[in-house]
Amino acid sequence: MDKEEKLQVTVYETNANGKKLEKTTEFSNADNAIQLTVLPNEEYQKITGFGGSFTESSAHLLNQLGKENRQEIIEAYFGENGAKYSLTRTHMNSCDFSLTNYSYAPVEGDLELEHFSIAEDKDDIIPMIKDAMKVSKEGFKILSSPWTAPPWMKDNKDWRGGKLLPEYNDTWALFFSKYIEAYKNEGIDIWGFTVENEPLGNDNNWESMHFTAQEMTQFVQNHLGPKLESEGHKVKILGYDQNREHLNEWVDTMFASENTSKYFDGTAIHWYASTYEVFPEALQYAHEKAPNKHLIQTEACVDAEVPKWKDDAWYWQKEATDWGWDWAPEKDKHLHPKYAPVNRYARDIIGCLNNWVDGWIDWNMVLDKQGGPNWFKNWCVAPVIVDPENDEVYFTPIYYTMSHFSKFIRPGATRIGLTMTDDLIMATACKNPDGSIAVVIFNQDEEKKDLSISLGERNTTIQIDAKAIQTIIINEVTK
């Protein structure tokens, strides 16, 4: 190959100065460029996908918008010209991002779940999923998570906290099977489950149910796994589903032996333990413990904040605080400093990918200007904020940040190696099934940077703006 041959790249950039996933073509040569070398033969995990969550709150808000704005949001997330979300999540029974507390199994003592019904989802969540399916060319996977069993199955008879009573283990396993069948009858396939959202609890603030690692493993090993298998449901089961700082002890228990790990297809994690720390050692440990299993980030959001409406600058500024700013114990306060929402998303997704995570799911797709609706008033931010009263939509910079990954790194892609001569730039690279390579880079510095990108004998020089995220497509295959 000719050493002078130029590497052909297509570059998309989002930055603090107002670029939003814009194709960038004008670059100058630079003498002191940062060297970025792509190593396609160095292969790591296969990518499952990226996306967000179908919650009752998001779906309810879409129902209040005009037809055009509703469709614009669905297209923006799932259409060919949008973020092309490929991996999503939804809640079974209610969660805090529901309008009220509800269960698909409300009748006490109904051990065979003869009264099981997903009627609650038919006005909002199911129509939202079906609309997304209509515009998604390649389709998307759905991961479903319960926040709690109905109170009658629990030791404290409450929506919040408490544990599943042992006599209801089989009924609760049946619940998952009934859910798959009910959704299949609606034309919706469920790809996987997490066993329990946040099994360590949430201080009994909203729907929750507690499991220890041993209890969850025994429930999956002896009840949930065998039930789904006997019913012929080929569905993924992910364990844990909470913050990364406790990951080691959970994977030690889940994957202790062939018997304990038999029905687990992987581990689910959240990001709320820190506003900046990715916990790479824990992610590496989880991968080494179960190298052939999924490691999926299933929930993340800017929490404990009311969204800023049509104020792009705020999303790039270190002004956001999370739950830990006020509530974390003193020993953990250092993990919860102020942060810029865009920085947190970009750093976390890149950091996760570079440490074996194969899927990354955001929380609510749509919230209102208050950061709800949320029955507990646990206000949070979503990539898309709406004002239903005035039928207005605001695509925040978080939406474009997510798109830099979801749109260009497709399911079945393989993360590949890269080296770089500047530690201040974060980067990850994946080779897509069509042969194209997507490199995502994040410059959180206040200065523009020159980059010399090399692949084999070919190279090219580009620039990335200050406070910017870029996706660079190499050898893009056009169909």
Protein backbone atom coordinates (compact mmCIF):
# COMPACT_ATOMS: atom_id res chain seq x y z
CA MET A 1 0.00 0.00 0.00
CA ASP A 2 1.19 3.48 -0.85
CA LYS A 3 2.46 5.15 2.33
CA GLU A 4 1.15 8.49 1.08
CA GLU A 5 -2.41 7.22 0.67
CA LYS A 6 -4.79 9.33 2.67
CA LEU A 7 -7.21 7.74 5.12
CA GLN A 8 -10.75 8.56 4.03
CA VAL A 9 -12.90 9.61 6.98
CA THR A 10 -16.34 11.12 7.59
CA VAL A 11 -16.52 13.22 10.76
CA TYR A 12 -19.58 14.25 12.80
CA GLU A 13 -19.23 16.70 15.67
CA THR A 14 -21.31 18.04 18.56
CA ASN A 15 -19.78 20.84 20.61
CA ALA A 16 -20.45 23.48 23.24
CA ASN A 17 -20.57 26.17 20.53
CA GLY A 18 -23.73 24.80 18.98
CA LYS A 19 -22.76 22.06 16.53
CA LYS A 20 -25.19 19.15 16.76
CA LEU A 21 -24.02 16.00 15.04
CA GLU A 22 -22.84 18.12 12.12
CA LYS A 23 -20.76 16.66 9.33
CA THR A 24 -17.40 18.40 9.45
CA THR A 25 -15.21 18.48 6.33
CA GLU A 26 -12.72 21.36 6.55
CA PHE A 27 -9.47 20.40 8.27
CA SER A 28 -5.97 21.87 8.15
CA ASN A 29 -2.67 20.01 8.46
CA ALA A 30 -0.87 20.24 11.79
CA ASP A 31 2.75 19.57 12.77
CA ASN A 32 2.19 18.67 16.43
CA ALA A 33 -0.96 16.58 16.15
CA ILE A 34 -1.96 14.01 18.74
CA GLN A 35 -1.36 10.54 17.29
CA LEU A 36 -4.38 8.24 17.30
CA THR A 37 -3.71 4.74 15.92
CA VAL A 38 -6.57 2.35 15.20
CA LEU A 39 -5.73 -1.35 15.69
CA PRO A 40 -8.47 -3.39 13.95
CA ASN A 41 -6.81 -6.75 14.66
CA GLU A 42 -6.95 -6.16 18.41
CA GLU A 43 -10.48 -7.37 19.17
CA TYR A 44 -12.51 -7.17 22.40
CA GLN A 45 -16.24 -7.50 23.15
CA LYS A 46 -19.11 -7.74 20.68
CA ILE A 47 -21.55 -4.84 21.02
CA THR A 48 -25.21 -5.54 21.88
CA GLY A 49 -26.46 -1.97 21.45
CA PHE A 50 -27.27 1.48 22.82
CA GLY A 51 -30.53 3.16 23.71
CA GLY A 52 -32.98 4.40 26.31
CA SER A 53 -36.06 3.33 28.26
CA PHE A 54 -39.78 3.12 27.61
CA THR A 55 -41.32 4.38 30.86
CA GLU A 56 -44.94 5.17 31.61
CA SER A 57 -43.91 8.79 32.18
CA SER A 58 -42.27 9.11 28.75
CA ALA A 59 -45.12 7.35 26.97
CA HIS A 60 -47.76 9.39 28.82
CA LEU A 61 -46.05 12.63 27.73
CA LEU A 62 -45.93 11.49 24.10
CA ASN A 63 -49.70 10.92 24.27
CA GLN A 64 -50.16 14.58 25.24
CA LEU A 65 -48.18 15.98 22.32
CA GLY A 66 -49.50 16.80 18.88
CA LYS A 67 -49.17 14.07 16.28
CA GLU A 68 -46.24 15.76 14.49
CA ASN A 69 -44.13 16.25 17.61
CA ARG A 70 -44.87 12.74 18.85
CA GLN A 71 -43.71 11.33 15.51
CA GLU A 72 -40.65 13.59 15.43
CA ILE A 73 -39.47 12.19 18.79
CA ILE A 74 -40.07 8.56 17.75
CA GLU A 75 -38.18 9.16 14.48
CA ALA A 76 -35.38 10.97 16.33
CA TYR A 77 -34.78 7.96 18.56
CA PHE A 78 -35.51 5.04 16.22
CA GLY A 79 -35.61 6.26 12.61
CA GLU A 80 -32.85 5.92 10.01
CA ASN A 81 -32.11 9.65 10.22
CA GLY A 82 -32.16 9.61 14.01
CA ALA A 83 -30.22 7.95 16.83
CA LYS A 84 -31.20 4.42 15.65
CA TYR A 85 -31.56 3.08 19.21
CA SER A 86 -30.94 -0.67 19.24
CA LEU A 87 -31.14 -1.70 22.93
CA THR A 88 -33.94 -0.50 25.23
CA ARG A 89 -35.43 -1.12 28.64
CA THR A 90 -38.86 -0.94 30.21
CA HIS A 91 -40.35 -1.54 33.67
CA MET A 92 -42.65 -4.40 34.71
CA ASN A 93 -45.31 -3.11 37.11
CA SER A 94 -44.90 0.52 38.20
CA CYS A 95 -41.73 2.43 39.07
CA ASP A 96 -41.12 5.99 40.25
CA PHE A 97 -41.48 7.16 36.62
CA SER A 98 -45.08 5.98 36.61
CA LEU A 99 -48.17 8.02 37.35
CA THR A 100 -49.31 5.73 40.20
CA ASN A 101 -48.42 2.43 41.89
CA TYR A 102 -49.76 -0.56 39.98
CA SER A 103 -49.14 -4.26 39.39
CA TYR A 104 -50.12 -6.67 36.61
CA ALA A 105 -51.07 -9.13 39.39
CA PRO A 106 -53.25 -7.11 41.79
CA VAL A 107 -55.37 -9.94 43.18
CA GLU A 108 -54.06 -11.21 46.52
CA GLY A 109 -53.56 -14.97 46.77
CA ASP A 110 -53.77 -15.45 42.96
CA LEU A 111 -51.01 -18.07 42.93
CA GLU A 112 -51.65 -19.14 39.31
CA LEU A 113 -51.92 -15.46 38.22
CA GLU A 114 -55.28 -16.05 36.55
CA HIS A 115 -55.97 -12.32 36.85
CA PHE A 116 -52.62 -11.26 35.34
CA SER A 117 -53.10 -8.32 32.97
CA ILE A 118 -50.90 -5.76 31.21
CA ALA A 119 -53.93 -3.52 30.58
CA GLU A 120 -52.10 -0.69 32.40
CA ASP A 121 -49.51 -0.59 29.59
CA LYS A 122 -51.96 -0.55 26.70
CA ASP A 123 -52.65 3.19 26.79
CA ASP A 124 -49.05 4.36 26.81
CA ILE A 125 -45.98 2.06 26.93
CA ILE A 126 -47.21 -0.45 24.35
CA PRO A 127 -48.26 2.18 21.75
CA MET A 128 -44.87 3.90 22.21
CA ILE A 129 -43.01 0.62 21.64
CA LYS A 130 -45.16 -0.20 18.59
CA ASP A 131 -44.57 3.25 17.08
CA ALA A 132 -40.83 2.77 17.61
CA MET A 133 -41.00 -0.65 15.93
CA LYS A 134 -42.67 0.89 12.88
CA VAL A 135 -39.81 3.32 12.21
CA SER A 136 -36.87 1.13 13.31
CA LYS A 137 -35.40 -0.45 10.17
CA GLU A 138 -33.16 -2.94 11.99
CA GLY A 139 -35.35 -3.38 15.08
CA PHE A 140 -34.27 -3.15 18.72
CA LYS A 141 -33.98 -5.36 21.77
CA ILE A 142 -36.11 -4.83 24.90
CA LEU A 143 -34.86 -5.58 28.41
CA SER A 144 -37.62 -5.63 31.07
CA SER A 145 -37.08 -5.00 34.78
CA PRO A 146 -39.40 -5.26 37.79
CA TRP A 147 -39.00 -2.69 40.58
CA THR A 148 -41.13 -4.80 42.93
CA ALA A 149 -43.49 -7.73 43.15
CA PRO A 150 -47.05 -6.78 44.16
CA PRO A 151 -47.18 -5.96 47.89
CA TRP A 152 -49.22 -9.09 48.71
CA MET A 153 -46.22 -11.26 47.78
CA LYS A 154 -43.84 -9.39 50.12
CA ASP A 155 -43.00 -9.66 53.81
CA ASN A 156 -43.82 -5.99 54.50
CA LYS A 157 -46.96 -5.80 52.29
CA ASP A 158 -45.65 -2.51 50.84
CA TRP A 159 -44.61 -1.24 47.40
CA ARG A 160 -41.35 -0.06 48.93
CA GLY A 161 -38.60 -2.20 50.41
CA GLY A 162 -39.21 -5.60 51.92
CA LYS A 163 -38.51 -9.03 50.46
CA LEU A 164 -40.32 -11.59 48.38
CA LEU A 165 -41.86 -14.21 50.68
CA PRO A 166 -40.39 -17.67 49.89
CA GLU A 167 -43.86 -19.16 49.37
CA TYR A 168 -44.29 -16.87 46.34
CA ASN A 169 -41.02 -17.77 44.58
CA ASP A 170 -42.80 -19.90 41.98
CA THR A 171 -45.62 -17.40 41.51
CA TRP A 172 -43.13 -14.59 40.97
CA ALA A 173 -41.23 -16.72 38.43
CA LEU A 174 -44.56 -17.42 36.67
CA PHE A 175 -45.11 -13.64 36.55
CA PHE A 176 -42.10 -13.25 34.21
CA SER A 177 -43.42 -16.00 31.93
CA LYS A 178 -46.90 -14.44 31.82
CA TYR A 179 -45.36 -11.08 30.98
CA ILE A 180 -43.46 -12.49 27.97
CA GLU A 181 -46.62 -14.14 26.68
CA ALA A 182 -48.76 -11.03 27.19
CA TYR A 183 -46.29 -8.84 25.32
CA LYS A 184 -45.90 -11.46 22.56
CA ASN A 185 -49.67 -11.35 22.12
CA GLU A 186 -49.23 -7.62 21.46
CA GLY A 187 -46.64 -8.40 18.79
CA ILE A 188 -43.70 -7.37 21.01
CA ASP A 189 -40.79 -9.71 21.72
CA ILE A 190 -38.92 -9.35 25.00
CA TRP A 191 -35.18 -9.98 24.58
CA GLY A 192 -34.23 -10.18 28.24
CA PHE A 193 -34.93 -9.52 31.91
CA THR A 194 -33.06 -8.11 34.81
CA VAL A 195 -34.20 -10.03 37.88
CA GLU A 196 -34.76 -6.94 40.03
CA ASN A 197 -34.06 -3.25 39.62
CA GLU A 198 -31.69 -2.11 42.38
CA PRO A 199 -31.91 -5.12 44.71
CA LEU A 200 -29.98 -3.21 47.39
CA GLY A 201 -32.94 -0.82 47.57
CA ASN A 202 -33.33 2.95 47.33
CA ASP A 203 -33.85 3.81 51.00
CA ASN A 204 -37.54 2.85 50.59
CA ASN A 205 -38.29 6.00 48.59
CA TRP A 206 -40.20 4.35 45.73
CA GLU A 207 -40.95 0.86 44.41
CA SER A 208 -38.25 -1.58 45.44
CA MET A 209 -37.68 -5.13 46.67
CA HIS A 210 -34.53 -6.39 48.34
CA PHE A 211 -32.38 -9.36 47.38
CA THR A 212 -28.94 -10.35 48.59
CA ALA A 213 -26.63 -11.77 45.93
CA GLN A 214 -27.25 -15.24 47.35
CA GLU A 215 -31.05 -14.81 47.38
CA MET A 216 -31.16 -13.57 43.80
CA THR A 217 -28.87 -16.36 42.61
CA GLN A 218 -31.01 -19.00 44.34
CA PHE A 219 -34.21 -17.49 42.91
CA VAL A 220 -32.79 -17.61 39.37
CA GLN A 221 -31.19 -21.05 39.82
CA ASN A 222 -34.21 -22.77 41.38
CA HIS A 223 -37.26 -20.83 40.17
CA LEU A 224 -36.95 -18.22 37.41
CA GLY A 225 -34.46 -20.05 35.17
CA PRO A 226 -36.22 -23.43 35.28
CA LYS A 227 -39.66 -21.81 34.80
CA LEU A 228 -38.66 -19.84 31.69
CA GLU A 229 -36.86 -22.91 30.34
CA SER A 230 -39.83 -25.20 30.88
CA GLU A 231 -42.13 -22.72 29.12
CA GLY A 232 -39.73 -22.57 26.15
CA HIS A 233 -38.90 -18.88 26.57
CA LYS A 234 -35.50 -18.17 25.05
CA VAL A 235 -34.81 -14.96 26.93
CA LYS A 236 -31.72 -13.46 28.55
CA ILE A 237 -31.49 -13.17 32.35
CA LEU A 238 -29.20 -10.49 33.76
CA GLY A 239 -28.38 -10.38 37.46
CA TYR A 240 -27.56 -7.56 39.88
CA ASP A 241 -28.81 -4.29 38.20
CA GLN A 242 -27.37 -1.67 40.52
CA ASN A 243 -24.24 0.46 41.04
CA ARG A 244 -20.75 -0.70 40.13
CA GLU A 245 -19.12 -0.31 43.53
CA HIS A 246 -20.71 -3.58 44.71
CA LEU A 247 -20.14 -5.44 41.46
CA ASN A 248 -17.35 -7.75 42.65
CA GLU A 249 -19.32 -9.41 45.44
CA TRP A 250 -22.33 -9.98 43.17
CA VAL A 251 -20.42 -11.58 40.29
CA ASP A 252 -18.51 -13.73 42.80
CA THR A 253 -21.86 -15.16 43.95
CA MET A 254 -23.66 -15.32 40.60
CA PHE A 255 -20.76 -16.98 38.80
CA ALA A 256 -19.40 -19.06 41.69
CA SER A 257 -20.00 -22.35 39.87
CA GLU A 258 -21.57 -23.85 36.77
CA ASN A 259 -24.77 -24.44 38.73
CA THR A 260 -25.13 -20.88 40.03
CA SER A 261 -24.31 -19.31 36.68
CA LYS A 262 -26.29 -21.69 34.47
CA TYR A 263 -29.28 -19.38 33.90
CA PHE A 264 -27.48 -16.04 34.12
CA ASP A 265 -26.67 -14.55 30.71
CA GLY A 266 -24.82 -11.63 32.25
CA THR A 267 -24.76 -8.73 34.65
CA ALA A 268 -26.57 -5.38 34.65
CA ILE A 269 -25.09 -2.21 36.18
CA HIS A 270 -26.00 1.43 36.90
CA TRP A 271 -23.82 4.55 37.11
CA TYR A 272 -25.12 6.32 40.25
CA ALA A 273 -22.14 5.52 42.50
CA SER A 274 -20.19 8.47 41.12
CA THR A 275 -20.50 11.45 38.79
CA TYR A 276 -17.08 10.78 37.24
CA GLU A 277 -15.69 7.37 38.30
CA VAL A 278 -16.31 4.51 35.84
CA PHE A 279 -14.97 1.82 38.26
CA PRO A 280 -12.78 0.18 35.57
CA GLU A 281 -11.32 -2.38 37.98
CA ALA A 282 -14.80 -3.62 38.89
CA LEU A 283 -15.82 -3.83 35.22
CA GLN A 284 -12.62 -5.71 34.37
CA TYR A 285 -13.21 -8.07 37.31
CA ALA A 286 -16.79 -8.76 36.22
CA HIS A 287 -15.62 -9.54 32.69
CA GLU A 288 -12.88 -11.88 33.90
CA LYS A 289 -15.36 -13.67 36.18
CA ALA A 290 -17.73 -14.36 33.26
CA PRO A 291 -15.92 -13.56 29.99
CA ASN A 292 -18.63 -15.03 27.77
CA LYS A 293 -21.55 -13.28 29.48
CA HIS A 294 -23.12 -9.86 28.89
CA LEU A 295 -22.09 -6.81 30.91
CA ILE A 296 -24.74 -4.18 30.24
CA GLN A 297 -25.21 -0.70 31.66
CA THR A 298 -29.00 -0.65 32.09
CA GLU A 299 -29.72 2.73 33.69
CA ALA A 300 -28.19 6.20 33.84
CA CYS A 301 -29.53 9.72 34.00
CA VAL A 302 -28.85 13.19 35.37
CA ASP A 303 -30.73 12.60 38.60
CA ALA A 304 -31.89 14.96 41.38
CA GLU A 305 -32.09 17.81 38.86
CA VAL A 306 -34.93 19.70 37.20
CA PRO A 307 -34.05 19.94 33.48
CA LYS A 308 -32.87 23.25 32.05
CA TRP A 309 -35.26 24.22 29.24
CA LYS A 310 -33.69 25.29 25.94
CA ASP A 311 -30.40 26.14 27.64
CA ASP A 312 -27.78 24.11 25.75
CA ALA A 313 -24.92 25.80 27.61
CA TRP A 314 -25.96 24.31 30.96
CA TYR A 315 -25.48 20.76 29.66
CA TRP A 316 -21.81 21.55 28.96
CA GLN A 317 -21.16 23.32 32.30
CA LYS A 318 -20.07 21.73 35.58
CA GLU A 319 -23.19 22.86 37.42
CA ALA A 320 -25.18 19.64 37.74
CA THR A 321 -25.34 17.76 41.05
CA ASP A 322 -26.63 14.26 41.76
CA TRP A 323 -28.29 12.55 44.74
CA GLY A 324 -24.89 12.08 46.39
CA TRP A 325 -24.16 15.83 46.52
CA ASP A 326 -26.65 16.02 49.40
CA TRP A 327 -27.16 12.45 50.55
CA ALA A 328 -23.98 10.40 50.11
CA PRO A 329 -22.19 9.37 53.33
CA GLU A 330 -19.15 11.52 54.11
CA LYS A 331 -16.70 8.83 53.02
CA ASP A 332 -18.27 8.80 49.51
CA LYS A 333 -18.83 12.56 49.05
CA HIS A 334 -15.68 12.86 46.92
CA LEU A 335 -17.33 10.63 44.31
CA HIS A 336 -20.15 13.13 43.78
CA PRO A 337 -18.73 16.52 42.73
CA LYS A 338 -20.52 18.88 40.33
CA TYR A 339 -20.31 17.80 36.72
CA ALA A 340 -21.29 18.72 33.16
CA PRO A 341 -24.04 16.38 31.92
CA VAL A 342 -22.49 15.94 28.45
CA ASN A 343 -19.10 15.15 30.01
CA ARG A 344 -20.61 12.56 32.30
CA TYR A 345 -22.38 10.76 29.47
CA ALA A 346 -19.46 10.83 27.03
CA ARG A 347 -16.89 9.79 29.63
CA ASP A 348 -19.03 7.01 31.03
CA ILE A 349 -19.98 5.44 27.70
CA ILE A 350 -16.37 5.54 26.45
CA GLY A 351 -15.06 4.27 29.79
CA CYS A 352 -17.62 1.45 29.83
CA LEU A 353 -16.85 0.37 26.27
CA ASN A 354 -13.13 0.38 27.00
CA ASN A 355 -13.76 -1.95 29.96
CA TRP A 356 -15.83 -4.73 28.37
CA VAL A 357 -19.36 -3.31 28.68
CA ASP A 358 -21.32 -4.42 25.59
CA GLY A 359 -24.53 -2.39 25.94
CA TRP A 360 -25.42 1.01 27.38
CA ILE A 361 -29.02 2.07 28.15
CA ASP A 362 -30.11 5.54 29.21
CA TRP A 363 -33.14 6.01 31.49
CA ASN A 364 -36.29 7.98 30.41
CA MET A 365 -36.41 8.98 26.75
CA VAL A 366 -38.80 11.88 27.37
CA LEU A 367 -39.57 14.00 30.46
CA ASP A 368 -41.34 17.31 31.03
CA LYS A 369 -39.90 20.66 32.13
CA GLN A 370 -40.19 19.59 35.77
CA GLY A 371 -38.24 16.37 35.18
CA GLY A 372 -41.30 14.16 35.58
CA PRO A 373 -44.00 13.02 35.82
CA ASN A 374 -42.76 11.04 38.81
CA TRP A 375 -45.16 10.08 41.59
CA PHE A 376 -42.39 10.42 44.21
CA LYS A 377 -41.20 13.76 42.74
CA ASN A 378 -37.80 12.22 42.02
CA TRP A 379 -37.05 14.74 39.25
CA CYS A 380 -34.50 13.77 36.59
CA VAL A 381 -33.30 14.86 33.15
CA ALA A 382 -33.92 13.07 29.83
CA PRO A 383 -32.29 13.66 26.43
CA VAL A 384 -35.62 15.01 25.14
CA ILE A 385 -37.66 17.46 27.23
CA VAL A 386 -41.22 18.41 26.29
CA ASP A 387 -43.78 21.05 27.21
CA PRO A 388 -47.10 19.32 26.52
CA GLU A 389 -49.18 22.40 27.33
CA ASN A 390 -47.57 24.33 24.49
CA ASP A 391 -46.75 21.24 22.37
CA GLU A 392 -43.03 22.05 22.32
CA VAL A 393 -40.01 19.74 22.14
CA TYR A 394 -36.39 20.37 23.21
CA PHE A 395 -33.61 18.03 22.09
CA THR A 396 -30.91 18.55 24.71
CA PRO A 397 -27.16 18.08 24.03
CA ILE A 398 -27.51 14.70 25.82
CA TYR A 399 -29.60 13.45 22.89
CA TYR A 400 -26.78 14.26 20.45
CA THR A 401 -24.18 12.76 22.80
CA MET A 402 -26.10 9.47 22.90
CA SER A 403 -26.49 9.57 19.10
CA HIS A 404 -22.71 9.71 18.59
CA PHE A 405 -22.64 6.12 19.86
CA SER A 406 -26.06 4.62 19.05
CA LYS A 407 -26.25 5.84 15.46
CA PHE A 408 -22.77 4.79 14.39
CA ILE A 409 -21.85 1.73 16.52
CA ARG A 410 -24.26 -0.97 15.44
CA PRO A 411 -25.27 -4.25 17.12
CA GLY A 412 -22.75 -6.96 16.34
CA ALA A 413 -19.88 -4.46 16.11
CA THR A 414 -16.62 -5.46 17.79
CA ARG A 415 -14.66 -3.07 19.93
CA ILE A 416 -11.10 -2.83 18.62
CA GLY A 417 -7.85 -1.44 19.95
CA LEU A 418 -6.51 2.08 19.68
CA THR A 419 -3.58 4.03 21.08
CA MET A 420 -3.31 7.75 21.66
CA THR A 421 -0.57 10.15 22.70
CA ASP A 422 -2.81 12.50 24.74
CA ASP A 423 -4.46 11.31 27.97
CA LEU A 424 -6.85 14.28 28.03
CA ILE A 425 -8.71 12.99 24.98
CA MET A 426 -10.98 10.00 25.58
CA ALA A 427 -11.60 7.61 22.69
CA THR A 428 -13.01 4.23 21.77
CA ALA A 429 -13.24 2.36 18.45
CA CYS A 430 -15.52 -0.33 17.07
CA LYS A 431 -15.62 -2.25 13.81
CA ASN A 432 -19.19 -2.56 12.49
CA PRO A 433 -20.64 -5.63 10.79
CA ASP A 434 -20.54 -3.75 7.45
CA GLY A 435 -16.75 -3.30 7.80
CA SER A 436 -16.83 0.39 8.66
CA ILE A 437 -14.94 1.56 11.76
CA ALA A 438 -16.47 4.10 14.16
CA VAL A 439 -14.10 6.01 16.43
CA VAL A 440 -15.75 8.19 19.09
CA ILE A 441 -13.54 10.84 20.69
CA PHE A 442 -14.28 13.34 23.44
CA ASN A 443 -12.34 16.52 24.05
CA GLN A 444 -13.31 18.04 27.40
CA ASP A 445 -10.49 20.58 27.17
CA GLU A 446 -10.97 24.32 26.61
CA GLU A 447 -8.73 24.16 23.52
CA LYS A 448 -9.13 22.76 20.03
CA LYS A 449 -6.94 19.72 19.32
CA ASP A 450 -5.26 18.42 16.16
CA LEU A 451 -5.45 14.67 15.62
CA SER A 452 -3.44 12.48 13.27
CA ILE A 453 -5.43 9.29 12.74
CA SER A 454 -3.63 6.22 11.43
CA LEU A 455 -4.93 2.88 10.21
CA GLY A 456 -2.22 0.65 8.81
CA GLU A 457 -0.18 2.71 6.36
CA ARG A 458 -2.88 5.30 5.82
CA ASN A 459 -3.45 8.42 7.87
CA THR A 460 -5.19 11.76 7.91
CA THR A 461 -5.22 14.87 10.10
CA ILE A 462 -8.39 16.36 11.54
CA GLN A 463 -9.30 18.80 14.31
CA ILE A 464 -11.72 18.45 17.20
CA ASP A 465 -13.12 21.62 18.74
CA ALA A 466 -12.83 22.54 22.40
CA LYS A 467 -15.54 20.84 24.52
CA ALA A 468 -16.63 18.56 21.71
CA ILE A 469 -17.53 14.98 20.91
CA GLN A 470 -16.84 13.47 17.48
CA THR A 471 -17.65 10.27 15.67
CA ILE A 472 -15.16 9.48 12.93
CA ILE A 473 -16.24 6.88 10.37
CA ILE A 474 -13.43 5.12 8.52
CA ASN A 475 -14.13 3.18 5.31
CA GLU A 476 -17.79 3.97 5.61
CA VAL A 477 -19.75 1.51 3.51
CA THR A 478 -22.44 3.24 1.48
CA LYS A 479 -25.37 1.16 0.40
